[in-house]
Amino acid sequence: LMDQQLQDLVYTEVMAMQNLKMKNVIEQIEFGKDVYKKDSGKEREVLYIVLELAKGGCLFDFISNTGAFSEKFARYYFK
């Protein structure tokens, strides 16, 4: 379970993300709290964040397959 201090930190980040509207930053679509029901029947409260789809694949997968970016390459993609 998330203690109150951790929940407060999550909410702070979410509020900051809601205000970010930039060309190269993935936009936050929705944020909420809901109940997640496991196959076992157990339920627990969860926080969720819905983000805009990042076209072109996952950055983690790309880095895993190619290794570290050169500075020149990173500057081109992360202006």
Protein backbone atom coordinates (compact mmCIF):
# COMPACT_ATOMS: atom_id res chain seq x y z
CA LEU A 1 0.00 0.00 0.00
CA MET A 2 1.09 3.53 -0.74
CA ASP A 3 1.60 5.72 2.29
CA GLN A 4 0.29 9.29 2.26
CA GLN A 5 3.71 10.83 1.62
CA LEU A 6 4.19 8.73 -1.53
CA GLN A 7 0.64 9.52 -2.71
CA ASP A 8 1.34 13.23 -2.25
CA LEU A 9 4.51 12.93 -4.37
CA VAL A 10 2.58 11.13 -7.13
CA TYR A 11 -0.14 13.81 -7.10
CA THR A 12 2.49 16.57 -7.31
CA GLU A 13 4.06 14.95 -10.37
CA VAL A 14 0.66 14.39 -11.99
CA MET A 15 -0.38 18.02 -11.48
CA ALA A 16 2.89 19.18 -13.04
CA MET A 17 2.43 16.81 -16.01
CA GLN A 18 -1.11 18.09 -16.64
CA ASN A 19 0.28 21.55 -17.32
CA LEU A 20 3.00 20.42 -19.75
CA LYS A 21 1.91 21.08 -23.32
CA MET A 22 5.03 20.89 -25.48
CA LYS A 23 5.68 19.53 -28.95
CA ASN A 24 8.19 16.85 -27.89
CA VAL A 25 6.70 15.85 -24.54
CA ILE A 26 4.17 13.03 -24.27
CA GLU A 27 0.88 14.45 -23.02
CA GLN A 28 -0.99 13.14 -20.00
CA ILE A 29 -4.54 12.22 -21.03
CA GLU A 30 -6.06 11.12 -17.74
CA PHE A 31 -5.22 10.36 -14.13
CA GLY A 32 -7.33 8.65 -11.52
CA LYS A 33 -7.81 6.27 -8.67
CA ASP A 34 -9.74 3.00 -9.03
CA VAL A 35 -10.14 -0.47 -7.60
CA TYR A 36 -8.16 -3.29 -9.23
CA LYS A 37 -9.60 -6.76 -8.81
CA LYS A 38 -7.12 -9.63 -9.07
CA ASP A 39 -8.02 -13.06 -10.47
CA SER A 40 -7.95 -14.34 -6.89
CA GLY A 41 -10.83 -11.98 -6.04
CA LYS A 42 -8.66 -9.71 -3.90
CA GLU A 43 -9.16 -6.00 -4.50
CA ARG A 44 -6.88 -3.06 -3.96
CA GLU A 45 -6.97 0.63 -4.70
CA VAL A 46 -4.60 1.79 -7.45
CA LEU A 47 -3.57 5.06 -9.06
CA TYR A 48 -3.34 5.17 -12.84
CA ILE A 49 -1.99 7.55 -15.49
CA VAL A 50 -3.01 7.43 -19.16
CA LEU A 51 -0.44 8.94 -21.52
CA GLU A 52 -0.50 9.86 -25.18
CA LEU A 53 0.73 7.10 -27.51
CA ALA A 54 4.43 7.44 -28.33
CA LYS A 55 4.63 6.54 -32.00
CA GLY A 56 7.77 4.83 -33.22
CA GLY A 57 8.18 2.39 -30.36
CA CYS A 58 9.56 2.37 -26.86
CA LEU A 59 12.71 4.40 -26.13
CA PHE A 60 13.85 1.73 -23.65
CA ASP A 61 13.65 -0.98 -26.35
CA PHE A 62 15.55 1.21 -28.80
CA ILE A 63 18.36 1.90 -26.32
CA SER A 64 18.47 -1.78 -25.30
CA ASN A 65 18.98 -2.80 -28.92
CA THR A 66 21.38 -0.04 -30.00
CA GLY A 67 23.29 0.85 -26.86
CA ALA A 68 24.05 4.35 -25.63
CA PHE A 69 23.45 7.31 -27.92
CA SER A 70 26.32 9.39 -29.20
CA GLU A 71 25.97 13.05 -28.25
CA LYS A 72 25.38 14.02 -31.89
CA PHE A 73 22.62 11.39 -32.28
CA ALA A 74 20.93 12.38 -29.01
CA ARG A 75 20.99 16.09 -29.90
CA TYR A 76 19.27 15.35 -33.22
CA TYR A 77 16.41 13.41 -31.60
CA PHE A 78 16.11 15.26 -28.28
CA LYS A 79 16.16 18.92 -29.29
